[in-house]
Protein backbone atom coordinates (compact mmCIF):
# COMPACT_ATOMS: atom_id res chain seq x y z
CA MET A 1 -10.21 77.65 232.16
CA THR A 2 -11.97 79.79 228.98
CA ILE A 3 -12.51 78.71 225.71
CA ASP A 4 -9.49 79.98 224.20
CA ASP A 5 -6.95 78.58 226.83
CA VAL A 6 -8.33 75.14 225.91
CA ARG A 7 -8.25 76.01 221.86
CA ASP A 8 -4.48 76.95 223.16
CA GLU A 9 -4.03 73.97 224.90
CA LEU A 10 -5.44 71.54 221.46
CA ALA A 11 -3.28 73.61 219.16
CA HIS A 12 -0.01 72.72 221.71
CA LEU A 13 -1.05 68.97 221.87
CA ARG A 14 -1.39 68.95 217.99
CA ASP A 15 1.59 70.75 217.48
CA ASP A 16 3.27 67.94 220.12
CA ALA A 17 1.87 65.11 217.65
CA ALA A 18 2.81 66.46 214.75
CA VAL A 19 6.90 66.97 216.06
CA LEU A 20 6.94 63.27 217.86
CA LEU A 21 5.22 61.91 214.41
CA GLU A 22 8.09 63.05 212.44
CA ALA A 23 10.64 61.79 215.25
CA TYR A 24 9.58 58.33 215.51
CA LEU A 25 7.60 57.54 212.39
CA ALA A 26 8.28 59.51 209.64
CA ARG A 27 11.46 60.41 209.45
CA PRO A 28 13.74 59.54 206.12
CA LEU A 29 16.78 57.59 206.38
CA LEU A 30 18.60 60.00 205.26
CA ARG A 31 17.74 62.50 207.77
CA GLY A 32 20.51 64.22 209.35
CA VAL A 33 23.27 62.96 207.45
CA SER A 34 24.30 65.96 205.11
CA HIS A 35 24.87 68.21 208.20
CA ALA A 36 27.14 65.41 210.62
CA LEU A 37 29.37 65.07 207.23
CA GLY A 38 29.03 69.08 207.36
CA PHE A 39 29.61 69.33 211.17
CA ILE A 40 33.17 67.17 210.93
CA THR A 41 34.42 69.12 207.52
CA ALA A 42 33.43 72.55 209.47
CA ILE A 43 35.96 71.71 212.43
CA ALA A 44 38.35 71.06 210.15
CA ALA A 45 37.75 74.42 207.87
CA MET A 46 37.64 76.36 210.92
CA VAL A 47 41.25 75.17 212.09
CA VAL A 48 42.34 75.45 208.90
CA LEU A 49 40.94 79.38 208.86
CA ILE A 50 41.98 80.42 211.97
CA VAL A 51 45.78 78.92 211.22
CA GLN A 52 46.17 80.66 207.56
CA ALA A 53 44.74 84.06 208.78
CA ALA A 54 46.53 86.95 207.89
CA ALA A 55 46.43 88.64 211.46
CA SER A 56 44.88 89.01 214.38
CA VAL A 57 41.15 90.52 213.95
CA GLN A 58 41.46 87.96 211.13
CA VAL A 59 42.21 85.37 214.17
CA VAL A 60 38.95 86.37 215.81
CA ALA A 61 36.90 86.71 212.52
CA SER A 62 37.77 82.91 212.01
CA ALA A 63 37.03 81.67 214.85
CA ILE A 64 33.41 83.06 215.64
CA TYR A 65 32.58 82.31 211.78
CA GLY A 66 33.32 78.63 212.50
CA ALA A 67 32.04 78.54 215.88
CA GLY A 68 28.66 79.54 214.43
CA LEU A 69 28.91 77.47 211.49
CA THR A 70 30.40 74.15 213.38
CA LEU A 71 27.40 74.82 216.29
CA ALA A 72 24.87 75.20 213.30
CA LEU A 73 25.87 71.63 212.14
CA GLY A 74 26.81 69.82 214.88
CA THR A 75 23.03 70.54 216.59
CA SER A 76 21.26 69.93 213.81
CA ALA A 77 23.00 66.54 213.34
CA LEU A 78 22.39 65.51 217.16
CA TYR A 79 18.87 66.88 216.78
CA HIS A 80 18.08 65.14 213.21
CA ARG A 81 19.62 61.65 213.77
CA ILE A 82 18.80 61.00 217.54
CA LYS A 83 15.36 59.51 218.87
CA TRP A 84 15.32 61.78 221.95
CA ARG A 85 12.86 61.36 224.30
CA PRO A 86 9.67 63.88 224.10
CA ALA A 87 10.88 66.58 226.90
CA ALA A 88 14.45 66.04 225.48
CA TYR A 89 13.34 66.40 221.78
CA HIS A 90 11.41 69.37 222.05
CA ARG A 91 14.43 71.25 223.82
CA ILE A 92 16.70 70.09 220.89
CA ARG A 93 14.59 71.20 218.77
CA LYS A 94 14.26 75.13 220.05
CA LEU A 95 17.72 74.46 220.54
CA ASP A 96 18.98 73.58 216.78
CA HIS A 97 16.26 76.36 215.26
CA SER A 98 18.00 78.68 217.90
CA MET A 99 21.79 78.08 216.40
CA ILE A 100 20.36 78.84 212.68
CA TYR A 101 20.08 82.49 214.07
CA VAL A 102 23.70 82.27 215.29
CA LEU A 103 24.70 80.86 212.33
CA ILE A 104 23.65 84.00 210.12
CA ALA A 105 24.90 86.23 212.48
CA SER A 106 28.55 84.82 212.72
CA SER A 107 28.51 84.13 208.94
CA CYS A 108 27.80 88.30 208.89
CA THR A 109 30.03 88.76 211.60
CA PRO A 110 34.18 87.92 208.93
CA PHE A 111 32.75 90.60 206.60
CA ALA A 112 32.06 93.37 209.50
CA LEU A 113 35.01 92.41 211.70
CA VAL A 114 37.69 92.60 208.82
CA LEU A 115 35.81 95.25 205.94
CA LEU A 116 34.56 97.88 208.27
CA ASP A 117 35.71 99.56 210.98
CA GLY A 118 34.47 102.79 213.80
CA SER A 119 31.21 102.86 214.28
CA TRP A 120 29.93 101.37 211.43
CA ARG A 121 31.32 98.09 212.07
CA ILE A 122 29.58 98.70 215.70
CA ILE A 123 25.90 99.29 214.70
CA VAL A 124 25.92 95.85 211.60
CA LEU A 125 27.44 93.75 214.58
CA SER A 126 25.24 95.11 217.04
CA VAL A 127 22.00 95.03 214.42
CA MET A 128 23.03 91.02 213.50
CA TRP A 129 23.79 90.07 216.84
CA GLY A 130 20.56 91.80 218.04
CA LEU A 131 18.46 90.44 215.96
CA ALA A 132 20.03 87.04 216.51
CA ALA A 133 19.06 87.00 220.17
CA ILE A 134 15.22 88.42 219.76
CA GLY A 135 14.97 85.85 217.18
CA ILE A 136 16.15 82.92 219.84
CA ALA A 137 14.25 84.27 222.97
CA LEU A 138 11.10 84.28 220.85
CA ARG A 139 12.13 80.67 219.76
CA TRP A 140 12.37 79.55 223.42
CA LEU A 141 9.04 82.17 224.76
CA ILE A 142 6.99 81.09 222.29
CA ALA A 143 5.67 77.62 222.37
CA ASN A 144 4.04 76.77 218.58
CA GLN A 145 5.93 79.29 216.98
CA PRO A 146 4.74 79.39 212.99
CA ARG A 147 6.41 77.36 210.15
CA TRP A 148 6.35 80.62 208.38
CA LEU A 149 7.41 83.54 210.83
CA GLN A 150 10.27 80.94 211.49
CA VAL A 151 11.64 81.27 208.02
CA GLY A 152 10.25 84.52 207.27
CA SER A 153 13.10 85.62 210.44
CA TYR A 154 15.30 83.51 208.77
CA ILE A 155 15.11 84.90 205.27
CA ALA A 156 14.49 88.77 206.76
CA MET A 157 17.74 88.30 208.96
CA GLY A 158 20.03 86.69 206.52
CA TRP A 159 19.38 89.99 203.81
CA ALA A 160 20.22 92.05 206.04
CA GLY A 161 23.36 91.94 205.88
CA LEU A 162 22.59 93.13 202.68
CA LEU A 163 23.92 96.17 204.97
CA LEU A 164 27.94 94.75 204.37
CA LEU A 165 27.16 95.07 200.45
CA PRO A 166 28.99 98.54 199.90
CA ALA A 167 32.28 96.94 202.00
CA LEU A 168 32.73 93.87 199.54
CA ASP A 169 33.73 96.33 196.29
CA LYS A 170 36.92 96.06 198.82
CA MET A 171 36.82 92.24 198.13
CA GLY A 172 36.03 92.03 194.36
CA PRO A 173 33.47 90.21 192.27
CA THR A 174 34.04 86.74 192.98
CA THR A 175 33.53 87.20 196.74
CA ILE A 176 30.56 89.29 196.12
CA VAL A 177 29.14 86.68 193.41
CA LEU A 178 29.67 83.99 196.46
CA THR A 179 28.32 85.87 198.83
CA ALA A 180 24.99 86.30 196.85
CA VAL A 181 24.30 82.76 195.16
CA GLY A 182 25.03 81.64 199.16
CA GLY A 183 22.15 83.74 200.09
CA VAL A 184 20.01 82.80 197.56
CA LEU A 185 20.73 78.79 198.69
CA TYR A 186 19.64 79.31 201.89
CA THR A 187 16.49 81.15 200.84
CA ILE A 188 15.23 78.66 198.55
CA GLY A 189 16.13 76.16 201.37
CA GLY A 190 14.37 78.11 203.63
CA LEU A 191 11.25 78.02 201.39
CA VAL A 192 11.56 74.38 200.96
CA TYR A 193 11.58 73.77 204.52
CA LEU A 194 7.74 76.49 204.70
CA PHE A 195 6.31 74.54 201.73
CA GLN A 196 7.94 70.72 202.42
CA ARG A 197 8.18 70.85 198.89
CA PRO A 198 10.24 69.46 196.55
CA ASN A 199 9.27 66.30 198.40
CA PRO A 200 11.67 63.57 195.61
CA LEU A 201 11.57 60.09 198.18
CA PRO A 202 9.64 60.50 201.61
CA LYS A 203 11.24 57.28 202.95
CA ILE A 204 14.62 58.50 201.76
CA PHE A 205 15.74 61.73 200.74
CA GLY A 206 12.49 63.95 201.70
CA PHE A 207 12.05 67.85 201.40
CA HIS A 208 14.21 68.00 204.64
CA GLU A 209 16.97 66.56 202.78
CA VAL A 210 16.86 69.02 199.95
CA PHE A 211 16.39 71.86 202.71
CA HIS A 212 20.33 70.40 204.49
CA ALA A 213 21.25 70.20 201.31
CA LEU A 214 21.16 73.56 200.20
CA VAL A 215 22.32 74.97 203.48
CA VAL A 216 25.37 72.87 202.79
CA ALA A 217 25.85 74.61 199.63
CA ALA A 218 25.35 77.42 200.97
CA ALA A 219 27.92 77.70 203.69
CA THR A 220 29.97 76.18 201.21
CA CYS A 221 29.75 79.39 199.46
CA HIS A 222 29.87 81.48 202.08
CA PHE A 223 33.38 79.25 202.81
CA LEU A 224 34.48 80.14 200.15
CA ALA A 225 33.68 84.22 200.04
CA VAL A 226 35.27 84.03 203.90
CA TRP A 227 38.41 82.39 202.73
CA PRO A 228 40.04 85.50 201.12
CA LEU A 229 38.70 88.12 203.43
CA VAL A 230 40.65 86.27 206.10
CA THR A 231 43.81 85.06 204.58
CA THR A 232 44.88 88.18 202.81
CA PRO A 233 47.42 90.26 204.76
CA GLY A 234 46.41 94.27 204.40
CA LEU A 235 42.54 94.53 204.49
């Protein structure tokens, strides 16, 4: 074993210790509560979207979007509300981070399916889901992925959704504003997670809860943007 191998192993152990400390000693009282409530709400919202969808392609768009949202919030709630054994904790943590990529791609999917057609639809969907697959693979392959790399990849992938901007003209200013505000809220949330600030009540509602609240607010904006997209006939 070389000195570099020893350093890598020490770094891995240090990361494990930090993660387990957060899991068992330093977790705020409200950790994961907003996402647990959001998960329940998202299930109901997905059902309503599917029922109210105007055409078959909009039904598919609603199902993919709703599934991505519920999977992301549900996995987050499980990860943050349950005290997992160490080995399982690392797996559910990676799964939670992976679901963020799924959420981003599934949030773009209704816009691509409904507003685009032909090769441009295929290109946008391939880019977004391809980026999601790459992000998930790297999260599972790189044991000690830096926080800045995770957050940077989430933000970059999210704003890759600007590929859809020309198509949003069909939906009017309200949808454009809601989509943009949601993107900004997700970005601010990512930066809160990265810098771990603000951290208002560390034992009850810390920086991570601020991050989660911003995610719920952003998801609400995007749901309101998706609603007319899937319920309006003839798009």
